[in-house]
Amino acid sequence: MPRMDILDGTTTGGRAALTDRARALAESGGRRVLGIAGPPGAGKSTLAERLVAELDGRAALVPMDGFHLAAAELDRLGRAERKGAPDTFDAAGYVALLRRLRAPDPLHTVYAPAFDRSLEEPVAGALPVPPAVPLVVTEGNYLLLDDGPWAPVRTLLDEVWFLEPDPEARVRRLVDRHVRHGRPRRRAEEWVARSDEANARLVERGRNRADLIVRL
């Protein structure tokens, strides 16, 4: 088990320390992959986007969410009402992409999928990762899951941070996000209580496999 550090991400100094830690990875030689994990609504994408912007061309963002199965496939499998659970992603595809990213071809850009929240669908080939970029930042719920097709993910990440926000604020953000993307508030609250929180409990099981706990 990796040694675990704890950092307060709510302060200016804490935020600067996170940027410095990511920059040190980018400057450590070769291609590095930083994972940002945590429950739904923890702020993973916000932190990942900020780090990539602050590293100014020395990092690329590849979210796990690009490996959501398409809505038609979830319907076919009978999993549409559990969208966001581990078996509603192409975990093996995500693992294969991480392996490519760890050993970049010096002549070719890798194109990763993104997830379009306005469509609620993955979009192939949306995120370019040039071979010269030294750091890939990937974020998602299941980076620390240790079973099934997710198990190899942790071994492909040089460092993983686990975000630990205030639980009530996290749930409020989740509900608001679903409302922004078209769900009626009552339906959003029901979805969070039934689906997102079940996934959050599963994500929490991997907390002790992280290198750093970021308290928000």
Protein backbone atom coordinates (compact mmCIF):
# COMPACT_ATOMS: atom_id res chain seq x y z
CA MET A 1 0.00 0.00 0.00
CA PRO A 2 1.41 3.45 -0.88
CA ARG A 3 2.27 5.93 1.85
CA MET A 4 -0.67 8.31 2.18
CA ASP A 5 -0.37 12.05 2.68
CA ILE A 6 -3.25 14.36 3.67
CA LEU A 7 -3.59 17.90 2.37
CA ASP A 8 -6.14 20.66 3.00
CA GLY A 9 -7.23 21.73 -0.47
CA THR A 10 -9.41 24.58 0.77
CA THR A 11 -6.57 27.05 1.35
CA THR A 12 -4.50 29.07 -1.10
CA GLY A 13 -1.38 27.30 0.14
CA GLY A 14 -3.03 23.90 -0.28
CA ARG A 15 -4.08 24.64 -3.84
CA ALA A 16 -0.57 25.86 -4.65
CA ALA A 17 0.88 22.69 -3.13
CA LEU A 18 -1.29 20.56 -5.42
CA THR A 19 -0.07 22.47 -8.47
CA ASP A 20 3.54 22.13 -7.32
CA ARG A 21 3.09 18.39 -6.80
CA ALA A 22 1.63 17.96 -10.29
CA ARG A 23 4.41 20.08 -11.78
CA ALA A 24 7.05 17.94 -10.06
CA LEU A 25 5.52 14.85 -11.69
CA ALA A 26 5.58 16.57 -15.09
CA GLU A 27 9.25 17.42 -14.62
CA SER A 28 10.36 14.03 -13.29
CA GLY A 29 11.29 12.65 -16.71
CA GLY A 30 9.39 10.65 -19.31
CA ARG A 31 5.61 10.35 -19.46
CA ARG A 32 3.79 10.35 -16.12
CA VAL A 33 0.09 9.73 -15.39
CA LEU A 34 -1.66 11.39 -12.44
CA GLY A 35 -5.03 10.05 -11.32
CA ILE A 36 -7.64 12.07 -9.45
CA ALA A 37 -10.28 9.86 -7.83
CA GLY A 38 -13.24 10.43 -5.56
CA PRO A 39 -17.00 10.00 -5.28
CA PRO A 40 -19.48 11.58 -7.70
CA GLY A 41 -19.62 15.35 -7.24
CA ALA A 42 -16.30 15.56 -5.39
CA GLY A 43 -14.85 18.18 -7.74
CA LYS A 44 -12.52 15.89 -9.70
CA SER A 45 -13.03 17.52 -13.10
CA THR A 46 -12.73 21.03 -11.64
CA LEU A 47 -9.39 20.24 -10.00
CA ALA A 48 -8.07 18.34 -13.03
CA GLU A 49 -8.97 21.17 -15.42
CA ARG A 50 -7.31 23.72 -13.14
CA LEU A 51 -4.09 21.72 -12.88
CA VAL A 52 -3.86 21.25 -16.65
CA ALA A 53 -4.46 24.98 -17.22
CA GLU A 54 -1.82 25.95 -14.66
CA LEU A 55 0.77 23.60 -16.15
CA ASP A 56 0.31 25.50 -19.44
CA GLY A 57 0.96 22.94 -22.15
CA ARG A 58 2.88 20.43 -20.01
CA ALA A 59 -0.22 18.37 -19.16
CA ALA A 60 -3.21 16.87 -20.97
CA LEU A 61 -6.56 15.89 -19.49
CA VAL A 62 -8.13 12.48 -20.21
CA PRO A 63 -11.23 11.86 -18.05
CA MET A 64 -12.43 8.34 -17.37
CA ASP A 65 -15.97 9.43 -18.30
CA GLY A 66 -15.16 9.19 -22.02
CA PHE A 67 -15.53 5.43 -21.53
CA HIS A 68 -19.21 5.56 -20.60
CA LEU A 69 -21.14 3.06 -22.68
CA ALA A 70 -23.51 4.71 -25.15
CA ALA A 71 -27.16 5.07 -24.14
CA ALA A 72 -28.28 2.57 -26.77
CA GLU A 73 -25.89 -0.05 -25.39
CA LEU A 74 -27.00 0.61 -21.81
CA ASP A 75 -30.60 0.12 -22.92
CA ARG A 76 -29.67 -3.14 -24.67
CA LEU A 77 -27.92 -4.40 -21.54
CA GLY A 78 -30.71 -3.25 -19.21
CA ARG A 79 -28.36 -0.95 -17.29
CA ALA A 80 -29.70 2.51 -18.20
CA GLU A 81 -31.13 3.07 -14.72
CA ARG A 82 -27.69 2.38 -13.21
CA LYS A 83 -25.70 4.68 -15.50
CA GLY A 84 -22.49 5.59 -13.68
CA ALA A 85 -22.03 2.19 -12.00
CA PRO A 86 -18.76 0.35 -12.73
CA ASP A 87 -20.31 -2.00 -15.28
CA THR A 88 -21.70 0.90 -17.36
CA PHE A 89 -18.19 1.80 -18.59
CA ASP A 90 -15.78 0.18 -21.02
CA ALA A 91 -13.20 -0.41 -18.29
CA ALA A 92 -10.99 -2.60 -20.50
CA GLY A 93 -10.90 0.16 -23.12
CA TYR A 94 -9.84 2.67 -20.47
CA VAL A 95 -7.05 0.35 -19.31
CA ALA A 96 -5.86 -0.08 -22.90
CA LEU A 97 -5.75 3.69 -23.38
CA LEU A 98 -3.77 4.18 -20.16
CA ARG A 99 -1.21 1.66 -21.42
CA ARG A 100 -0.86 3.60 -24.68
CA LEU A 101 -0.51 6.85 -22.78
CA ARG A 102 2.22 5.49 -20.53
CA ALA A 103 4.35 4.50 -23.51
CA PRO A 104 3.74 7.24 -26.10
CA ASP A 105 4.67 6.73 -29.74
CA PRO A 106 6.99 9.68 -30.52
CA LEU A 107 5.45 10.06 -33.98
CA HIS A 108 1.75 9.93 -33.22
CA THR A 109 -0.80 11.82 -31.14
CA VAL A 110 -3.15 9.66 -29.07
CA TYR A 111 -6.82 10.62 -29.35
CA ALA A 112 -8.97 9.89 -26.31
CA PRO A 113 -12.77 9.98 -25.98
CA ALA A 114 -14.63 12.66 -24.04
CA PHE A 115 -18.07 12.66 -22.41
CA ASP A 116 -20.49 15.35 -23.61
CA ARG A 117 -22.85 16.16 -20.75
CA SER A 118 -25.17 18.10 -23.02
CA LEU A 119 -25.71 14.91 -25.05
CA GLU A 120 -25.13 12.48 -22.15
CA GLU A 121 -23.01 10.47 -24.59
CA PRO A 122 -19.30 9.67 -25.13
CA VAL A 123 -17.59 11.32 -28.12
CA ALA A 124 -14.73 9.40 -29.74
CA GLY A 125 -11.42 11.01 -30.67
CA ALA A 126 -12.18 14.31 -28.93
CA LEU A 127 -9.08 14.76 -26.74
CA PRO A 128 -5.62 14.89 -28.37
CA VAL A 129 -2.59 13.89 -26.29
CA PRO A 130 0.61 14.82 -28.19
CA PRO A 131 3.61 12.57 -27.51
CA ALA A 132 5.72 15.44 -26.13
CA VAL A 133 3.30 16.20 -23.27
CA PRO A 134 5.01 14.92 -20.10
CA LEU A 135 1.96 14.58 -17.82
CA VAL A 136 -1.47 13.07 -18.41
CA VAL A 137 -4.10 13.89 -15.79
CA THR A 138 -6.97 11.42 -15.65
CA GLU A 139 -9.92 11.67 -13.30
CA GLY A 140 -12.89 9.48 -12.44
CA ASN A 141 -14.76 7.52 -9.83
CA TYR A 142 -13.17 4.09 -10.21
CA LEU A 143 -9.43 4.66 -10.50
CA LEU A 144 -8.88 2.86 -7.18
CA LEU A 145 -11.38 0.03 -7.62
CA ASP A 146 -9.47 -3.20 -7.06
CA ASP A 147 -11.67 -5.82 -8.72
CA GLY A 148 -12.83 -6.92 -12.15
CA PRO A 149 -11.61 -5.08 -15.24
CA TRP A 150 -10.81 -1.99 -13.14
CA ALA A 151 -8.09 -3.71 -11.12
CA PRO A 152 -5.18 -2.85 -13.50
CA VAL A 153 -5.92 0.89 -13.44
CA ARG A 154 -4.05 1.62 -10.19
CA THR A 155 -0.88 -0.04 -11.50
CA LEU A 156 -0.89 2.28 -14.53
CA LEU A 157 -0.99 5.51 -12.50
CA ASP A 158 2.19 7.04 -11.09
CA GLU A 159 0.25 8.84 -8.38
CA VAL A 160 -3.41 8.98 -7.30
CA TRP A 161 -5.13 11.70 -5.28
CA PHE A 162 -8.43 10.98 -3.54
CA LEU A 163 -10.76 13.96 -3.08
CA GLU A 164 -12.70 14.11 0.17
CA PRO A 165 -15.24 16.97 0.09
CA ASP A 166 -17.90 17.95 2.61
CA PRO A 167 -20.60 15.26 2.07
CA GLU A 168 -23.59 17.62 2.20
CA ALA A 169 -22.02 20.09 -0.22
CA ARG A 170 -21.11 17.23 -2.56
CA VAL A 171 -24.70 15.96 -2.68
CA ARG A 172 -26.03 19.48 -3.30
CA ARG A 173 -23.59 19.91 -6.20
CA LEU A 174 -24.67 16.56 -7.67
CA VAL A 175 -28.35 17.44 -7.55
CA ASP A 176 -27.70 20.87 -9.08
CA ARG A 177 -25.62 19.28 -11.85
CA HIS A 178 -28.43 16.89 -12.79
CA VAL A 179 -30.92 19.79 -12.80
CA ARG A 180 -28.64 21.83 -15.08
CA HIS A 181 -28.58 18.94 -17.50
CA GLY A 182 -32.34 18.62 -17.71
CA ARG A 183 -33.64 16.47 -14.85
CA PRO A 184 -36.51 17.85 -12.73
CA ARG A 185 -35.24 18.55 -9.20
CA ARG A 186 -37.29 15.80 -7.56
CA ARG A 187 -36.03 13.28 -10.12
CA ALA A 188 -32.48 14.55 -9.63
CA GLU A 189 -32.71 14.08 -5.87
CA GLU A 190 -34.05 10.55 -6.31
CA TRP A 191 -31.27 9.66 -8.77
CA VAL A 192 -28.55 10.96 -6.44
CA ALA A 193 -29.98 9.10 -3.42
CA ARG A 194 -30.41 5.83 -5.30
CA SER A 195 -27.60 5.72 -7.87
CA ASP A 196 -24.87 8.27 -7.19
CA GLU A 197 -24.68 7.55 -3.47
CA ALA A 198 -24.46 3.80 -4.05
CA ASN A 199 -21.53 4.48 -6.37
CA ALA A 200 -20.00 6.85 -3.79
CA ARG A 201 -19.95 4.07 -1.19
CA LEU A 202 -18.20 1.80 -3.67
CA VAL A 203 -15.63 4.49 -4.51
CA GLU A 204 -14.86 5.05 -0.81
CA ARG A 205 -13.57 1.47 -0.55
CA GLY A 206 -10.51 2.46 -2.57
CA ARG A 207 -9.55 5.47 -0.44
CA ASN A 208 -6.65 3.74 1.29
CA ARG A 209 -4.98 2.93 -2.05
CA ALA A 210 -4.39 6.63 -2.80
CA ASP A 211 -1.08 8.47 -2.37
CA LEU A 212 -2.75 11.70 -1.24
CA ILE A 213 -6.05 12.58 0.42
CA VAL A 214 -7.24 16.07 -0.54
CA ARG A 215 -9.78 17.48 1.92
CA LEU A 216 -12.10 20.01 0.33
